[in-house]
Amino acid sequence: MPQYAMIVYSPAPADPEAMSAEHLAALSGYPEQAKALKGKVLGGTYFAKERGFALSPSTEAMAVRGDTARSGTIAGSELVVAAFYVLAAPSIEVAVEIAKLHPATADGGVEVRPLFVPPGQTQDDYAD
């Protein structure tokens, strides 16, 4: 099944320790919502029994452009990358429908991108 990067954007500083109880509750059911749409959230631990990766607050981000590094993000908007997932879905259209269910879309956003597959290789959906 094709795989997609799902990049989660939240208002700065996007501190995972400051998530509301409602946001955490919505996250707890997210993998099951993806399965209901014939998709699968892949990745490592985000919170217990969930998949995905949370990032430290944007106050700890370092941006590198050329040979210059500075504190902060590259994008320069009020939203910062807060987490990412690898998602298996039958098509990008289904991946977008799954992304729409993520609680970050309420005050931030989610970007979906196909993952590159080198010629001659296949994507593995990981065994549960």
N, C-alpha and C. Protein backbone atom coordinates (compact mmCIF):
# COMPACT_ATOMS: atom_id res chain seq x y z
N MET A 1 0.85 -1.17 0.00
CA MET A 1 0.00 0.00 0.00
C MET A 1 0.90 1.24 0.00
N PRO A 2 0.59 2.26 -0.76
CA PRO A 2 1.41 3.47 -0.76
C PRO A 2 1.52 4.10 0.63
N GLN A 3 2.66 4.75 0.88
CA GLN A 3 2.88 5.40 2.16
C GLN A 3 3.02 6.90 1.97
N TYR A 4 2.61 7.64 3.01
CA TYR A 4 2.60 9.10 2.96
C TYR A 4 3.17 9.65 4.26
N ALA A 5 3.89 10.76 4.14
CA ALA A 5 4.30 11.51 5.32
C ALA A 5 3.15 12.41 5.69
N MET A 6 2.81 12.45 6.94
CA MET A 6 1.78 13.33 7.44
C MET A 6 2.45 14.24 8.46
N ILE A 7 2.63 15.50 8.09
CA ILE A 7 3.35 16.47 8.92
C ILE A 7 2.32 17.34 9.64
N VAL A 8 2.38 17.34 10.96
CA VAL A 8 1.39 18.03 11.78
C VAL A 8 1.95 19.39 12.19
N TYR A 9 1.17 20.45 11.93
CA TYR A 9 1.54 21.82 12.30
C TYR A 9 0.62 22.30 13.41
N SER A 10 1.20 22.98 14.40
CA SER A 10 0.43 23.54 15.51
C SER A 10 0.94 24.95 15.80
N PRO A 11 0.14 25.75 16.53
CA PRO A 11 0.63 27.07 16.93
C PRO A 11 1.87 26.92 17.81
N ALA A 12 2.82 27.85 17.66
CA ALA A 12 4.04 27.83 18.46
C ALA A 12 3.70 28.06 19.93
N PRO A 13 4.36 27.42 20.85
CA PRO A 13 5.55 26.61 20.66
C PRO A 13 5.27 25.13 20.40
N ALA A 14 4.01 24.70 20.31
CA ALA A 14 3.64 23.31 20.02
C ALA A 14 4.26 22.34 21.01
N ASP A 15 4.08 22.62 22.27
CA ASP A 15 4.65 21.81 23.34
C ASP A 15 3.75 20.59 23.58
N PRO A 16 4.25 19.36 23.36
CA PRO A 16 3.41 18.18 23.57
C PRO A 16 2.98 18.00 25.03
N GLU A 17 3.71 18.60 25.96
CA GLU A 17 3.34 18.51 27.38
C GLU A 17 2.14 19.40 27.70
N ALA A 18 1.80 20.33 26.79
CA ALA A 18 0.72 21.28 27.06
C ALA A 18 -0.56 20.95 26.30
N MET A 19 -0.66 19.73 25.75
CA MET A 19 -1.87 19.36 25.01
C MET A 19 -3.06 19.26 25.94
N SER A 20 -4.20 19.73 25.47
CA SER A 20 -5.41 19.66 26.28
C SER A 20 -5.89 18.22 26.40
N ALA A 21 -6.72 17.98 27.39
CA ALA A 21 -7.30 16.65 27.58
C ALA A 21 -8.13 16.26 26.37
N GLU A 22 -8.81 17.23 25.77
CA GLU A 22 -9.62 16.96 24.58
C GLU A 22 -8.74 16.53 23.40
N HIS A 23 -7.62 17.21 23.23
CA HIS A 23 -6.70 16.88 22.14
C HIS A 23 -6.14 15.47 22.34
N LEU A 24 -5.73 15.18 23.57
CA LEU A 24 -5.19 13.85 23.87
C LEU A 24 -6.24 12.76 23.65
N ALA A 25 -7.48 13.05 24.03
CA ALA A 25 -8.56 12.07 23.82
C ALA A 25 -8.78 11.83 22.33
N ALA A 26 -8.74 12.90 21.55
CA ALA A 26 -8.91 12.75 20.10
C ALA A 26 -7.75 11.95 19.50
N LEU A 27 -6.54 12.17 19.98
CA LEU A 27 -5.39 11.41 19.49
C LEU A 27 -5.50 9.93 19.81
N SER A 28 -6.08 9.60 20.95
CA SER A 28 -6.13 8.20 21.35
C SER A 28 -6.93 7.34 20.37
N GLY A 29 -7.92 7.91 19.72
CA GLY A 29 -8.72 7.15 18.76
C GLY A 29 -8.29 7.31 17.32
N TYR A 30 -7.25 8.10 17.08
CA TYR A 30 -6.86 8.40 15.70
C TYR A 30 -6.44 7.18 14.89
N PRO A 31 -5.61 6.27 15.42
CA PRO A 31 -5.25 5.09 14.62
C PRO A 31 -6.46 4.25 14.19
N GLU A 32 -7.45 4.13 15.06
CA GLU A 32 -8.66 3.38 14.71
C GLU A 32 -9.47 4.10 13.63
N GLN A 33 -9.49 5.41 13.67
CA GLN A 33 -10.18 6.18 12.63
C GLN A 33 -9.51 5.95 11.28
N ALA A 34 -8.18 5.88 11.28
CA ALA A 34 -7.46 5.63 10.03
C ALA A 34 -7.80 4.24 9.50
N LYS A 35 -7.88 3.25 10.38
CA LYS A 35 -8.23 1.89 9.96
C LYS A 35 -9.63 1.84 9.35
N ALA A 36 -10.56 2.61 9.91
CA ALA A 36 -11.93 2.63 9.39
C ALA A 36 -11.97 3.15 7.96
N LEU A 37 -10.98 3.95 7.57
CA LEU A 37 -10.90 4.46 6.20
C LEU A 37 -9.94 3.63 5.34
N LYS A 38 -9.60 2.43 5.82
CA LYS A 38 -8.71 1.49 5.11
C LYS A 38 -7.27 1.98 5.05
N GLY A 39 -6.88 2.81 6.03
CA GLY A 39 -5.51 3.27 6.14
C GLY A 39 -4.88 2.70 7.39
N LYS A 40 -3.61 3.02 7.61
CA LYS A 40 -2.90 2.51 8.77
C LYS A 40 -1.83 3.53 9.17
N VAL A 41 -1.86 3.95 10.43
CA VAL A 41 -0.85 4.85 10.94
C VAL A 41 0.36 4.00 11.31
N LEU A 42 1.51 4.31 10.70
CA LEU A 42 2.75 3.58 10.94
C LEU A 42 3.70 4.46 11.74
N GLY A 43 4.69 3.90 12.38
CA GLY A 43 5.70 4.70 13.04
C GLY A 43 6.01 4.19 14.42
N GLY A 44 6.67 5.04 15.20
CA GLY A 44 7.06 4.68 16.55
C GLY A 44 6.12 5.28 17.57
N THR A 45 6.56 5.35 18.80
CA THR A 45 5.70 5.77 19.90
C THR A 45 5.52 7.29 19.91
N TYR A 46 4.26 7.72 20.06
CA TYR A 46 3.93 9.13 20.28
C TYR A 46 3.47 9.24 21.72
N PHE A 47 2.40 8.59 22.06
CA PHE A 47 1.95 8.37 23.43
C PHE A 47 1.68 6.88 23.54
N ALA A 48 1.44 6.39 24.72
CA ALA A 48 1.24 4.96 24.93
C ALA A 48 0.18 4.41 23.97
N LYS A 49 0.51 3.31 23.31
CA LYS A 49 -0.37 2.58 22.40
C LYS A 49 -0.78 3.40 21.18
N GLU A 50 -0.02 4.40 20.81
CA GLU A 50 -0.29 5.17 19.60
C GLU A 50 0.96 5.17 18.75
N ARG A 51 0.81 5.61 17.52
CA ARG A 51 1.95 5.66 16.62
C ARG A 51 2.13 7.06 16.10
N GLY A 52 3.35 7.42 15.83
CA GLY A 52 3.67 8.75 15.37
C GLY A 52 4.81 9.28 16.22
N PHE A 53 5.27 10.46 15.94
CA PHE A 53 6.39 11.04 16.65
C PHE A 53 6.04 12.47 17.02
N ALA A 54 6.11 12.80 18.30
CA ALA A 54 5.95 14.18 18.74
C ALA A 54 7.33 14.82 18.76
N LEU A 55 7.38 16.09 18.48
CA LEU A 55 8.64 16.83 18.52
C LEU A 55 8.67 17.71 19.75
N SER A 56 9.86 18.05 20.21
CA SER A 56 9.99 18.97 21.32
C SER A 56 9.42 20.33 20.90
N PRO A 57 9.10 21.21 21.86
CA PRO A 57 8.55 22.52 21.50
C PRO A 57 9.44 23.26 20.52
N SER A 58 8.83 24.14 19.71
CA SER A 58 9.58 24.87 18.69
C SER A 58 10.64 25.77 19.29
N THR A 59 10.57 26.03 20.59
CA THR A 59 11.60 26.84 21.23
C THR A 59 12.95 26.13 21.24
N GLU A 60 12.94 24.82 20.96
CA GLU A 60 14.17 24.05 20.91
C GLU A 60 14.63 23.77 19.47
N ALA A 61 13.92 24.31 18.48
CA ALA A 61 14.24 24.04 17.08
C ALA A 61 15.48 24.81 16.64
N MET A 62 16.22 24.21 15.73
CA MET A 62 17.36 24.86 15.09
C MET A 62 17.17 24.76 13.59
N ALA A 63 17.32 25.86 12.90
CA ALA A 63 17.19 25.88 11.44
C ALA A 63 18.57 26.01 10.83
N VAL A 64 18.83 25.22 9.79
CA VAL A 64 20.11 25.27 9.09
C VAL A 64 19.84 25.58 7.63
N ARG A 65 20.48 26.62 7.13
CA ARG A 65 20.40 26.98 5.71
C ARG A 65 21.82 27.28 5.27
N GLY A 66 22.28 26.51 4.27
CA GLY A 66 23.67 26.65 3.87
C GLY A 66 24.56 26.24 5.02
N ASP A 67 25.51 27.10 5.40
CA ASP A 67 26.38 26.78 6.53
C ASP A 67 26.03 27.59 7.77
N THR A 68 24.81 28.15 7.80
CA THR A 68 24.38 28.97 8.92
C THR A 68 23.28 28.28 9.71
N ALA A 69 23.44 28.22 11.02
CA ALA A 69 22.42 27.66 11.90
C ALA A 69 21.89 28.77 12.81
N ARG A 70 20.59 28.73 13.05
CA ARG A 70 19.99 29.71 13.96
C ARG A 70 18.87 29.03 14.73
N SER A 71 18.53 29.61 15.85
CA SER A 71 17.43 29.10 16.64
C SER A 71 16.12 29.44 15.95
N GLY A 72 15.17 28.50 15.97
CA GLY A 72 13.87 28.75 15.36
C GLY A 72 13.59 27.80 14.22
N THR A 73 12.50 28.08 13.52
CA THR A 73 12.09 27.23 12.42
C THR A 73 12.38 27.88 11.08
N ILE A 74 12.35 27.12 10.02
CA ILE A 74 12.59 27.66 8.69
C ILE A 74 11.35 28.35 8.14
N ALA A 75 10.20 27.76 8.40
CA ALA A 75 8.97 28.25 7.78
C ALA A 75 8.67 29.69 8.12
N GLY A 76 8.88 30.11 9.36
CA GLY A 76 8.66 31.49 9.73
C GLY A 76 7.21 31.91 9.82
N SER A 77 6.29 30.99 10.09
CA SER A 77 4.89 31.36 10.27
C SER A 77 4.52 31.17 11.73
N GLU A 78 3.27 31.42 12.06
CA GLU A 78 2.82 31.21 13.43
C GLU A 78 2.64 29.72 13.73
N LEU A 79 2.65 28.88 12.69
CA LEU A 79 2.54 27.43 12.88
C LEU A 79 3.92 26.81 12.76
N VAL A 80 4.15 25.79 13.57
CA VAL A 80 5.42 25.07 13.53
C VAL A 80 5.15 23.58 13.42
N VAL A 81 6.10 22.84 12.92
CA VAL A 81 5.97 21.39 12.84
C VAL A 81 5.96 20.85 14.26
N ALA A 82 4.93 20.09 14.60
CA ALA A 82 4.77 19.58 15.95
C ALA A 82 4.94 18.07 16.03
N ALA A 83 4.62 17.36 14.94
CA ALA A 83 4.69 15.91 14.95
C ALA A 83 4.68 15.42 13.51
N PHE A 84 5.00 14.15 13.34
CA PHE A 84 4.87 13.55 12.02
C PHE A 84 4.49 12.09 12.16
N TYR A 85 3.85 11.60 11.14
CA TYR A 85 3.43 10.21 11.06
C TYR A 85 3.83 9.68 9.69
N VAL A 86 3.96 8.38 9.60
CA VAL A 86 3.99 7.70 8.32
C VAL A 86 2.68 6.95 8.25
N LEU A 87 1.98 7.16 7.15
CA LEU A 87 0.63 6.64 6.99
C LEU A 87 0.59 5.77 5.74
N ALA A 88 0.01 4.60 5.84
CA ALA A 88 -0.24 3.76 4.67
C ALA A 88 -1.70 3.94 4.30
N ALA A 89 -1.97 4.21 3.04
CA ALA A 89 -3.34 4.41 2.56
C ALA A 89 -3.41 4.01 1.09
N PRO A 90 -4.59 3.62 0.62
CA PRO A 90 -4.73 3.18 -0.77
C PRO A 90 -4.42 4.27 -1.80
N SER A 91 -4.60 5.56 -1.41
CA SER A 91 -4.36 6.67 -2.34
C SER A 91 -4.13 7.94 -1.54
N ILE A 92 -3.62 8.97 -2.20
CA ILE A 92 -3.42 10.25 -1.51
C ILE A 92 -4.76 10.85 -1.10
N GLU A 93 -5.81 10.57 -1.86
CA GLU A 93 -7.13 11.08 -1.50
C GLU A 93 -7.58 10.51 -0.15
N VAL A 94 -7.35 9.22 0.05
CA VAL A 94 -7.71 8.58 1.33
C VAL A 94 -6.79 9.12 2.44
N ALA A 95 -5.51 9.29 2.14
CA ALA A 95 -4.57 9.85 3.13
C ALA A 95 -5.03 11.24 3.57
N VAL A 96 -5.53 12.05 2.65
CA VAL A 96 -6.03 13.39 3.00
C VAL A 96 -7.27 13.28 3.88
N GLU A 97 -8.15 12.34 3.58
CA GLU A 97 -9.35 12.16 4.42
C GLU A 97 -8.95 11.74 5.84
N ILE A 98 -7.93 10.91 5.96
CA ILE A 98 -7.43 10.51 7.27
C ILE A 98 -6.80 11.71 7.97
N ALA A 99 -6.04 12.52 7.24
CA ALA A 99 -5.41 13.71 7.81
C ALA A 99 -6.46 14.69 8.34
N LYS A 100 -7.58 14.79 7.66
CA LYS A 100 -8.65 15.70 8.09
C LYS A 100 -9.20 15.34 9.47
N LEU A 101 -9.04 14.08 9.88
CA LEU A 101 -9.53 13.62 11.17
C LEU A 101 -8.58 13.96 12.32
N HIS A 102 -7.36 14.37 12.02
CA HIS A 102 -6.38 14.65 13.08
C HIS A 102 -6.81 15.90 13.85
N PRO A 103 -6.73 15.88 15.19
CA PRO A 103 -7.17 17.03 15.98
C PRO A 103 -6.38 18.31 15.72
N ALA A 104 -5.19 18.22 15.18
CA ALA A 104 -4.40 19.43 14.91
C ALA A 104 -5.04 20.30 13.85
N THR A 105 -5.94 19.75 13.05
CA THR A 105 -6.56 20.58 12.00
C THR A 105 -7.47 21.65 12.59
N ALA A 106 -7.84 21.54 13.86
CA ALA A 106 -8.72 22.53 14.49
C ALA A 106 -8.03 23.89 14.66
N ASP A 107 -6.74 23.88 15.03
CA ASP A 107 -6.05 25.15 15.24
C ASP A 107 -4.70 25.23 14.53
N GLY A 108 -4.39 24.21 13.77
CA GLY A 108 -3.13 24.17 13.03
C GLY A 108 -3.38 23.63 11.64
N GLY A 109 -2.69 22.57 11.28
CA GLY A 109 -2.88 21.96 9.98
C GLY A 109 -2.09 20.69 9.85
N VAL A 110 -2.35 19.96 8.78
CA VAL A 110 -1.65 18.71 8.50
C VAL A 110 -1.29 18.71 7.01
N GLU A 111 -0.05 18.42 6.71
CA GLU A 111 0.42 18.32 5.33
C GLU A 111 0.63 16.85 5.00
N VAL A 112 0.19 16.43 3.83
CA VAL A 112 0.34 15.05 3.39
C VAL A 112 1.22 15.03 2.16
N ARG A 113 2.24 14.17 2.17
CA ARG A 113 3.15 14.04 1.03
C ARG A 113 3.43 12.57 0.76
N PRO A 114 3.44 12.15 -0.50
CA PRO A 114 3.83 10.77 -0.81
C PRO A 114 5.29 10.55 -0.43
N LEU A 115 5.60 9.36 0.07
CA LEU A 115 6.99 9.02 0.35
C LEU A 115 7.65 8.49 -0.92
N PHE A 116 8.89 8.81 -1.08
CA PHE A 116 9.67 8.35 -2.23
C PHE A 116 9.98 6.87 -2.07
N VAL A 117 9.83 6.13 -3.15
CA VAL A 117 10.18 4.71 -3.18
C VAL A 117 11.23 4.53 -4.26
N PRO A 118 12.45 4.14 -3.89
CA PRO A 118 13.49 3.92 -4.90
C PRO A 118 13.07 2.83 -5.88
N PRO A 119 13.49 2.94 -7.13
CA PRO A 119 13.15 1.92 -8.12
C PRO A 119 13.57 0.53 -7.64
N GLY A 120 12.70 -0.45 -7.85
CA GLY A 120 13.00 -1.83 -7.47
C GLY A 120 12.70 -2.17 -6.03
N GLN A 121 12.23 -1.18 -5.24
CA GLN A 121 11.89 -1.46 -3.84
C GLN A 121 10.39 -1.30 -3.64
N THR A 122 9.89 -1.92 -2.60
CA THR A 122 8.48 -1.82 -2.25
C THR A 122 8.35 -1.27 -0.84
N GLN A 123 7.19 -0.72 -0.53
CA GLN A 123 6.94 -0.21 0.80
C GLN A 123 6.36 -1.32 1.66
N ASP A 124 6.74 -1.35 2.93
CA ASP A 124 6.28 -2.34 3.89
C ASP A 124 5.34 -1.67 4.86
N ASP A 125 4.14 -2.20 5.05
CA ASP A 125 3.16 -1.60 5.94
C ASP A 125 3.37 -1.98 7.40
N TYR A 126 4.43 -2.71 7.72
CA TYR A 126 4.76 -3.11 9.07
C TYR A 126 3.68 -4.05 9.62
N ALA A 127 4.10 -5.06 10.28
CA ALA A 127 3.16 -5.99 10.90
C ALA A 127 2.74 -5.42 12.26
N ASP A 128 1.51 -5.64 12.63
CA ASP A 128 1.04 -5.22 13.97
C ASP A 128 1.46 -6.23 15.00
